C-alpha atoms as a PDB file:
ATOM      1  CA  MET A   1      97.146  31.385  29.516  1.00  0.00           C
ATOM      2  CA  ALA A   2      97.342  30.353  33.066  1.00  0.00           C
ATOM      3  CA  ALA A   3      93.878  29.872  34.805  1.00  0.00           C
ATOM      4  CA  MET A   4      93.227  32.036  37.824  1.00  0.00           C
ATOM      5  CA  HIS A   5      92.392  30.403  41.082  1.00  0.00           C
ATOM      6  CA  ARG A   6      90.526  31.936  43.925  1.00  0.00           C
ATOM      7  CA  PRO A   7      91.518  31.387  47.624  1.00  0.00           C
ATOM      8  CA  ILE A   8      89.399  28.607  49.096  1.00  0.00           C
ATOM      9  CA  SER A   9      87.425  29.742  52.017  1.00  0.00           C
ATOM     10  CA  ARG A  10      87.345  28.155  55.418  1.00  0.00           C
ATOM     11  CA  ARG A  11      83.863  26.908  54.303  1.00  0.00           C
ATOM     12  CA  GLY A  12      85.280  25.482  51.129  1.00  0.00           C
ATOM     13  CA  GLN A  13      87.921  23.737  52.892  1.00  0.00           C
ATOM     14  CA  LEU A  14      85.329  22.205  55.320  1.00  0.00           C
ATOM     15  CA  THR A  15      83.296  21.063  52.465  1.00  0.00           C
ATOM     16  CA  ARG A  16      86.140  19.303  50.839  1.00  0.00           C
ATOM     17  CA  VAL A  17      86.925  17.578  53.991  1.00  0.00           C
ATOM     18  CA  VAL A  18      83.420  16.255  54.519  1.00  0.00           C
ATOM     19  CA  LEU A  19      83.275  15.099  50.815  1.00  0.00           C
ATOM     20  CA  ALA A  20      86.645  13.168  51.267  1.00  0.00           C
ATOM     21  CA  SER A  21      85.455  11.695  54.502  1.00  0.00           C
ATOM     22  CA  TYR A  22      82.238  10.347  52.886  1.00  0.00           C
ATOM     23  CA  ALA A  23      84.158   8.895  50.079  1.00  0.00           C
ATOM     24  CA  LEU A  24      86.439   6.923  52.448  1.00  0.00           C
ATOM     25  CA  LEU A  25      83.047   5.724  54.310  1.00  0.00           C
ATOM     26  CA  CYS A  26      81.211   4.670  51.352  1.00  0.00           C
ATOM     27  CA  GLY A  27      84.415   2.834  49.755  1.00  0.00           C
ATOM     28  CA  TRP A  28      85.938   4.632  46.714  1.00  0.00           C
ATOM     29  CA  PRO A  29      84.750   4.787  44.203  1.00  0.00           C
ATOM     30  CA  CYS A  30      81.183   4.617  45.767  1.00  0.00           C
ATOM     31  CA  ALA A  31      78.299   3.749  43.834  1.00  0.00           C
ATOM     32  CA  GLN A  32      76.869   7.323  43.586  1.00  0.00           C
ATOM     33  CA  ALA A  33      80.049   8.395  42.053  1.00  0.00           C
ATOM     34  CA  ALA A  34      80.388   5.686  39.712  1.00  0.00           C
ATOM     35  CA  CYS A  35      76.859   6.510  38.355  1.00  0.00           C
ATOM     36  CA  GLU A  36      78.169   9.775  37.374  1.00  0.00           C
ATOM     37  CA  THR A  37      81.006   8.840  35.076  1.00  0.00           C
ATOM     38  CA  SER A  38      80.631   9.157  31.563  1.00  0.00           C
ATOM     39  CA  PHE A  39      81.405   5.385  30.909  1.00  0.00           C
ATOM     40  CA  VAL A  40      78.816   4.112  33.521  1.00  0.00           C
ATOM     41  CA  LYS A  41      76.258   6.824  32.018  1.00  0.00           C
ATOM     42  CA  SER A  42      76.614   5.545  28.480  1.00  0.00           C
ATOM     43  CA  VAL A  43      76.357   1.848  29.385  1.00  0.00           C
ATOM     44  CA  LEU A  44      73.223   2.371  31.482  1.00  0.00           C
ATOM     45  CA  ALA A  45      71.723   4.442  28.583  1.00  0.00           C
ATOM     46  CA  GLN A  46      72.583   1.418  26.175  1.00  0.00           C
ATOM     47  CA  HIS A  47      70.723  -1.055  28.256  1.00  0.00           C
ATOM     48  CA  GLY A  48      67.572   1.080  28.652  1.00  0.00           C
ATOM     49  CA  GLY A  49      68.496   3.967  30.893  1.00  0.00           C
ATOM     50  CA  ALA A  50      69.088   4.208  34.668  1.00  0.00           C
ATOM     51  CA  ASP A  51      65.589   5.288  35.510  1.00  0.00           C
ATOM     52  CA  VAL A  52      63.957   2.383  33.602  1.00  0.00           C
ATOM     53  CA  LEU A  53      66.438  -0.333  34.901  1.00  0.00           C
ATOM     54  CA  ALA A  54      65.897   0.815  38.652  1.00  0.00           C
ATOM     55  CA  GLN A  55      62.277   0.382  38.248  1.00  0.00           C
ATOM     56  CA  ILE A  56      62.363  -3.338  37.434  1.00  0.00           C
ATOM     57  CA  SER A  57      61.229  -5.324  40.212  1.00  0.00           C
ATOM     58  CA  GLU A  58      60.945  -8.799  38.929  1.00  0.00           C
ATOM     59  CA  LEU A  59      62.191 -10.776  35.881  1.00  0.00           C
ATOM     60  CA  ARG A  60      60.174 -13.611  34.192  1.00  0.00           C
ATOM     61  CA  TRP A  61      60.959 -15.977  31.397  1.00  0.00           C
ATOM     62  CA  THR A  62      60.368 -19.116  29.637  1.00  0.00           C
ATOM     63  CA  GLY A  63      63.144 -20.792  27.544  1.00  0.00           C
ATOM     64  CA  HIS A  64      65.350 -23.679  26.950  1.00  0.00           C
ATOM     65  CA  ALA A  65      68.689 -24.952  28.100  1.00  0.00           C
ATOM     66  CA  VAL A  66      71.485 -27.234  27.368  1.00  0.00           C
ATOM     67  CA  ILE A  67      73.167 -28.767  30.497  1.00  0.00           C
ATOM     68  CA  HIS A  68      76.792 -29.738  29.898  1.00  0.00           C
ATOM     69  CA  GLY A  69      77.182 -32.783  32.297  1.00  0.00           C
ATOM     70  CA  GLU A  70      80.160 -35.155  32.696  1.00  0.00           C
ATOM     71  CA  ARG A  71      78.262 -37.184  30.166  1.00  0.00           C
ATOM     72  CA  ALA A  72      76.508 -36.333  27.055  1.00  0.00           C
ATOM     73  CA  PRO A  73      74.816 -32.936  27.165  1.00  0.00           C
ATOM     74  CA  PHE A  74      71.014 -32.823  27.471  1.00  0.00           C
ATOM     75  CA  GLU A  75      68.111 -30.135  27.056  1.00  0.00           C
ATOM     76  CA  ILE A  76      65.539 -29.009  29.391  1.00  0.00           C
ATOM     77  CA  ARG A  77      62.780 -26.438  29.317  1.00  0.00           C
ATOM     78  CA  VAL A  78      62.500 -23.751  31.912  1.00  0.00           C
ATOM     79  CA  ARG A  79      60.026 -21.413  33.336  1.00  0.00           C
ATOM     80  CA  THR A  80      61.536 -19.060  35.904  1.00  0.00           C
ATOM     81  CA  THR A  81      60.749 -15.877  38.179  1.00  0.00           C
ATOM     82  CA  VAL A  82      63.481 -13.916  39.818  1.00  0.00           C
ATOM     83  CA  VAL A  83      63.264 -11.070  42.244  1.00  0.00           C
ATOM     84  CA  PRO A  84      66.614  -9.720  41.963  1.00  0.00           C
ATOM     85  CA  PHE A  85      68.730 -10.539  45.045  1.00  0.00           C
ATOM     86  CA  MET A  86      65.593 -11.879  46.840  1.00  0.00           C
ATOM     87  CA  SER A  87      64.228 -14.674  45.509  1.00  0.00           C
ATOM     88  CA  ALA A  88      63.952 -17.358  42.502  1.00  0.00           C
ATOM     89  CA  HIS A  89      61.470 -19.790  41.467  1.00  0.00           C
ATOM     90  CA  SER A  90      62.457 -22.104  38.746  1.00  0.00           C
ATOM     91  CA  GLU A  91      60.637 -25.060  37.214  1.00  0.00           C
ATOM     92  CA  SER A  92      62.601 -27.365  34.702  1.00  0.00           C
ATOM     93  CA  TRP A  93      61.741 -30.418  32.869  1.00  0.00           C
ATOM     94  CA  LEU A  94      63.293 -32.534  30.005  1.00  0.00           C
ATOM     95  CA  ARG A  95      62.565 -31.246  26.620  1.00  0.00           C
ATOM     96  CA  THR A  96      61.360 -34.489  25.468  1.00  0.00           C
ATOM     97  CA  GLU A  97      58.630 -34.407  28.262  1.00  0.00           C
ATOM     98  CA  ASP A  98      56.024 -32.122  29.495  1.00  0.00           C
ATOM     99  CA  ALA A  99      55.756 -29.754  32.385  1.00  0.00           C
ATOM    100  CA  SER A 100      53.814 -32.166  34.509  1.00  0.00           C
ATOM    101  CA  ASN A 101      57.297 -33.914  35.084  1.00  0.00           C
ATOM    102  CA  SER A 102      58.873 -30.574  36.258  1.00  0.00           C
ATOM    103  CA  ARG A 103      61.550 -30.103  39.062  1.00  0.00           C
ATOM    104  CA  VAL A 104      60.992 -26.950  41.118  1.00  0.00           C
ATOM    105  CA  MET A 105      63.774 -24.957  42.675  1.00  0.00           C
ATOM    106  CA  ILE A 106      62.765 -22.288  45.149  1.00  0.00           C
ATOM    107  CA  ILE A 107      65.618 -19.923  46.418  1.00  0.00           C
ATOM    108  CA  GLU A 108      64.734 -17.282  49.319  1.00  0.00           C
ATOM    109  CA  ARG A 109      67.218 -14.858  50.689  1.00  0.00           C
ATOM    110  CA  GLU A 110      68.244 -17.422  53.767  1.00  0.00           C
ATOM    111  CA  ARG A 111      67.104 -20.781  52.580  1.00  0.00           C
ATOM    112  CA  GLY A 112      65.933 -22.977  49.678  1.00  0.00           C
ATOM    113  CA  TRP A 113      63.788 -26.060  48.619  1.00  0.00           C
ATOM    114  CA  LEU A 114      63.732 -28.630  45.879  1.00  0.00           C
ATOM    115  CA  GLU A 115      60.073 -29.707  45.102  1.00  0.00           C
ATOM    116  CA  ARG A 116      58.794 -32.804  42.808  1.00  0.00           C
ATOM    117  CA  ASN A 117      55.545 -34.325  42.472  1.00  0.00           C
ATOM    118  CA  GLY A 118      54.237 -31.743  45.117  1.00  0.00           C
ATOM    119  CA  LYS A 119      56.566 -32.942  47.698  1.00  0.00           C
ATOM    120  CA  ARG A 120      59.079 -30.336  49.095  1.00  0.00           C
ATOM    121  CA  THR A 121      62.534 -31.085  50.699  1.00  0.00           C
ATOM    122  CA  PRO A 122      64.889 -28.626  52.040  1.00  0.00           C
ATOM    123  CA  MET A 123      67.765 -27.673  49.698  1.00  0.00           C
ATOM    124  CA  PRO A 124      71.201 -28.982  51.031  1.00  0.00           C
ATOM    125  CA  ALA A 125      73.237 -26.102  52.278  1.00  0.00           C
ATOM    126  CA  ALA A 126      76.047 -26.246  49.892  1.00  0.00           C
ATOM    127  CA  MET A 127      73.617 -26.440  46.991  1.00  0.00           C
ATOM    128  CA  PHE A 128      71.691 -23.446  48.431  1.00  0.00           C
ATOM    129  CA  GLU A 129      74.750 -21.309  48.487  1.00  0.00           C
ATOM    130  CA  HIS A 130      75.616 -22.257  44.990  1.00  0.00           C
ATOM    131  CA  GLU A 131      72.175 -21.488  43.521  1.00  0.00           C
ATOM    132  CA  ARG A 132      71.760 -18.348  45.204  1.00  0.00           C
ATOM    133  CA  ALA A 133      75.254 -17.193  43.939  1.00  0.00           C
ATOM    134  CA  GLN A 134      74.203 -18.200  40.549  1.00  0.00           C
ATOM    135  CA  PHE A 135      70.849 -16.364  40.443  1.00  0.00           C
ATOM    136  CA  ALA A 136      72.435 -13.112  41.581  1.00  0.00           C
ATOM    137  CA  ILE A 137      74.041 -12.847  37.908  1.00  0.00           C
ATOM    138  CA  TYR A 138      70.534 -11.627  36.578  1.00  0.00           C
ATOM    139  CA  GLY A 139      70.012  -8.889  39.142  1.00  0.00           C
ATOM    140  CA  LEU A 140      73.778  -7.682  38.119  1.00  0.00           C
ATOM    141  CA  MET A 141      72.871  -7.702  34.448  1.00  0.00           C
ATOM    142  CA  LEU A 142      70.259  -5.247  35.102  1.00  0.00           C
ATOM    143  CA  LEU A 143      73.112  -3.009  35.923  1.00  0.00           C
ATOM    144  CA  ALA A 144      70.879  -0.758  38.319  1.00  0.00           C
ATOM    145  CA  PRO A 145      72.709  -2.177  41.460  1.00  0.00           C
ATOM    146  CA  ILE A 146      75.770  -0.238  40.056  1.00  0.00           C
ATOM    147  CA  CYS A 147      73.902   2.724  41.523  1.00  0.00           C
ATOM    148  CA  ASP A 148      72.974   1.296  44.926  1.00  0.00           C
ATOM    149  CA  GLN A 149      74.741   2.946  47.934  1.00  0.00           C
ATOM    150  CA  ALA A 150      75.453  -0.498  49.401  1.00  0.00           C
ATOM    151  CA  THR A 151      77.269  -1.707  46.192  1.00  0.00           C
ATOM    152  CA  LYS A 152      81.116  -0.821  45.624  1.00  0.00           C
ATOM    153  CA  VAL A 153      82.127  -0.382  42.169  1.00  0.00           C
ATOM    154  CA  ASP A 154      85.610  -0.230  40.538  1.00  0.00           C
ATOM    155  CA  GLU A 155      85.465   1.013  37.157  1.00  0.00           C
ATOM    156  CA  ASP A 156      88.412   0.394  34.326  1.00  0.00           C
ATOM    157  CA  THR A 157      87.724   2.169  31.376  1.00  0.00           C
ATOM    158  CA  ASN A 158      90.444   0.883  29.489  1.00  0.00           C
ATOM    159  CA  ALA A 159      89.256  -2.693  29.918  1.00  0.00           C
ATOM    160  CA  ARG A 160      85.742  -1.411  29.214  1.00  0.00           C
ATOM    161  CA  SER A 161      84.864  -3.382  32.682  1.00  0.00           C
ATOM    162  CA  ILE A 162      83.210  -2.663  35.800  1.00  0.00           C
ATOM    163  CA  VAL A 163      83.798  -4.761  39.046  1.00  0.00           C
ATOM    164  CA  VAL A 164      80.679  -4.835  41.018  1.00  0.00           C
ATOM    165  CA  SER A 165      80.732  -6.052  44.975  1.00  0.00           C
ATOM    166  CA  HIS A 166      77.062  -6.361  45.820  1.00  0.00           C
ATOM    167  CA  PRO A 167      76.227  -7.388  49.429  1.00  0.00           C
ATOM    168  CA  HIS A 168      73.956 -10.289  47.921  1.00  0.00           C
ATOM    169  CA  ALA A 169      75.965 -11.555  44.858  1.00  0.00           C
ATOM    170  CA  PRO A 170      79.658 -12.734  44.434  1.00  0.00           C
ATOM    171  CA  THR A 171      81.981  -9.899  43.314  1.00  0.00           C
ATOM    172  CA  THR A 172      81.514  -9.873  39.459  1.00  0.00           C
ATOM    173  CA  THR A 173      83.455  -8.231  36.601  1.00  0.00           C
ATOM    174  CA  LEU A 174      81.362  -6.937  33.759  1.00  0.00           C
ATOM    175  CA  PHE A 175      82.772  -6.504  30.290  1.00  0.00           C
ATOM    176  CA  PHE A 176      81.245  -4.208  27.761  1.00  0.00           C
ATOM    177  CA  ASP A 177      81.950  -3.637  23.903  1.00  0.00           C
ATOM    178  CA  ARG A 178      82.658  -0.279  22.400  1.00  0.00           C
ATOM    179  CA  VAL A 179      78.891   0.598  22.051  1.00  0.00           C
ATOM    180  CA  GLY A 180      78.218  -0.208  25.853  1.00  0.00           C
ATOM    181  CA  ASP A 181      76.647  -3.604  25.289  1.00  0.00           C
ATOM    182  CA  LEU A 182      77.158  -6.037  28.030  1.00  0.00           C
ATOM    183  CA  VAL A 183      79.115  -8.803  26.324  1.00  0.00           C
ATOM    184  CA  ARG A 184      80.856 -10.892  28.976  1.00  0.00           C
ATOM    185  CA  ALA A 185      80.980 -11.497  32.999  1.00  0.00           C
ATOM    186  CA  ARG A 186      83.169 -13.199  35.348  1.00  0.00           C
ATOM    187  CA  ASN A 187      83.111 -14.349  38.736  1.00  0.00           C
ATOM    188  CA  SER A 188      83.487 -17.282  41.243  1.00  0.00           C
ATOM    189  CA  VAL A 189      80.827 -19.069  43.031  1.00  0.00           C
ATOM    190  CA  PRO A 190      80.761 -21.936  45.771  1.00  0.00           C
ATOM    191  CA  SER A 191      80.585 -25.305  44.567  1.00  0.00           C
ATOM    192  CA  ALA A 192      77.148 -27.110  44.922  1.00  0.00           C
ATOM    193  CA  GLU A 193      79.108 -30.172  46.221  1.00  0.00           C
ATOM    194  CA  GLY A 194      81.034 -27.782  48.968  1.00  0.00           C
ATOM    195  CA  GLY A 195      84.631 -27.446  49.256  1.00  0.00           C
ATOM    196  CA  GLY A 196      85.927 -24.532  47.293  1.00  0.00           C
ATOM    197  CA  LEU A 197      85.101 -22.031  44.582  1.00  0.00           C
ATOM    198  CA  ILE A 198      84.233 -22.631  40.872  1.00  0.00           C
ATOM    199  CA  GLU A 199      85.725 -20.100  38.446  1.00  0.00           C
ATOM    200  CA  GLN A 200      82.826 -18.788  35.965  1.00  0.00           C
ATOM    201  CA  GLU A 201      82.606 -16.841  32.598  1.00  0.00           C
ATOM    202  CA  PHE A 202      79.213 -15.872  31.176  1.00  0.00           C
ATOM    203  CA  ARG A 203      79.008 -14.992  27.435  1.00  0.00           C
ATOM    204  CA  PHE A 204      75.979 -12.919  26.250  1.00  0.00           C
ATOM    205  CA  SER A 205      74.897 -13.226  22.740  1.00  0.00           C
ATOM    206  CA  ASP A 206      74.500 -10.221  20.213  1.00  0.00           C
ATOM    207  CA  GLU A 207      70.912 -10.931  19.585  1.00  0.00           C
ATOM    208  CA  ARG A 208      68.498  -9.169  22.177  1.00  0.00           C
ATOM    209  CA  VAL A 209      64.996 -10.164  23.258  1.00  0.00           C
ATOM    210  CA  PRO A 210      62.395  -7.432  22.515  1.00  0.00           C
ATOM    211  CA  GLY A 211      61.551  -5.130  25.350  1.00  0.00           C
ATOM    212  CA  PRO A 212      62.517  -1.870  26.935  1.00  0.00           C
ATOM    213  CA  ILE A 213      65.848  -3.024  28.433  1.00  0.00           C
ATOM    214  CA  HIS A 214      68.792  -4.446  26.496  1.00  0.00           C
ATOM    215  CA  TRP A 215      68.924  -8.228  27.508  1.00  0.00           C
ATOM    216  CA  PRO A 216      70.695 -11.142  25.542  1.00  0.00           C
ATOM    217  CA  ARG A 217      68.794 -13.774  23.852  1.00  0.00           C
ATOM    218  CA  THR A 218      71.079 -16.410  25.155  1.00  0.00           C
ATOM    219  CA  ILE A 219      73.601 -16.823  28.003  1.00  0.00           C
ATOM    220  CA  ARG A 220      76.584 -19.251  27.738  1.00  0.00           C
ATOM    221  CA  ILE A 221      78.087 -20.238  31.098  1.00  0.00           C
ATOM    222  CA  ARG A 222      81.601 -22.170  31.375  1.00  0.00           C
ATOM    223  CA  GLN A 223      82.999 -23.202  34.553  1.00  0.00           C
ATOM    224  CA  ASN A 224      86.605 -23.852  35.070  1.00  0.00           C
ATOM    225  CA  GLY A 225      86.941 -23.441  31.644  1.00  0.00           C
ATOM    226  CA  LYS A 226      84.626 -25.977  30.532  1.00  0.00           C
ATOM    227  CA  PRO A 227      80.929 -25.686  28.898  1.00  0.00           C
ATOM    228  CA  TYR A 228      78.400 -25.688  31.805  1.00  0.00           C
ATOM    229  CA  PHE A 229      74.856 -24.138  30.979  1.00  0.00           C
ATOM    230  CA  ASP A 230      73.467 -22.534  27.784  1.00  0.00           C
ATOM    231  CA  LEU A 231      70.139 -20.771  28.255  1.00  0.00           C
ATOM    232  CA  THR A 232      68.078 -19.242  25.734  1.00  0.00           C
ATOM    233  CA  PHE A 233      65.158 -17.043  26.345  1.00  0.00           C
ATOM    234  CA  GLU A 234      62.064 -17.562  24.337  1.00  0.00           C
ATOM    235  CA  GLU A 235      59.778 -15.387  26.194  1.00  0.00           C
ATOM    236  CA  PHE A 236      61.288 -12.658  28.711  1.00  0.00           C
ATOM    237  CA  GLU A 237      59.485  -9.897  30.683  1.00  0.00           C
ATOM    238  CA  ALA A 238      60.859  -7.280  32.888  1.00  0.00           C
ATOM    239  CA  VAL A 239      58.271  -6.407  35.536  1.00  0.00           C
ATOM    240  CA  THR A 240      58.325  -2.692  36.820  1.00  0.00           C
ATOM    241  CA  GLN A 241      57.166  -1.667  40.257  1.00  0.00           C
ATOM    242  CA  ARG A 242      53.678  -0.750  40.710  1.00  0.00           C
END
């Protein structure tokens, strides 16, 4: 049976024009519209819920990592605090030593520093751009930025992926499994030495840390197809706004 359609009033026509204009202004699909799709809703729910994720203001963790350099891999311990897209403070030291020999990396919105033995020096510009882009992944992993008005989102339900273009992060594609868990990410970041971009892939473990949000126990990063950095969280805290 054919559906019956009511004629559209002039007010209804005007409303449609306004909505269409708004969609063009915010970039289609805009963040608010993306938050309303069933796919994104299910993903947010799987990771703790949109309301919970949006309240998180800071991430803190301790853990250990493997750095895959040009020579043999080596292990470090880390103690890190990240305010998503705003700042990061990370201490690292060789796993065979103690924290008194730590190297401190400080990243803010516009500049960064390296600190060793109480002496702080400005971070080289290329290194700063690289590290700022690297630390942005933790904000994107919260998924709350998908709902920010400043974020452009492109959803592909067939690939179970979301391309997120955030003003303070490299454009990143997030991939999810059938139940909505974040399993993989892909982006490009500036080289720490300058002169080009590095292709990256992030793999997130099935094991999760305890807590109100769905956060992987281990992150493995490959750069230009080669192992680069494996981080395992030993203690992890998502701090909510007071």
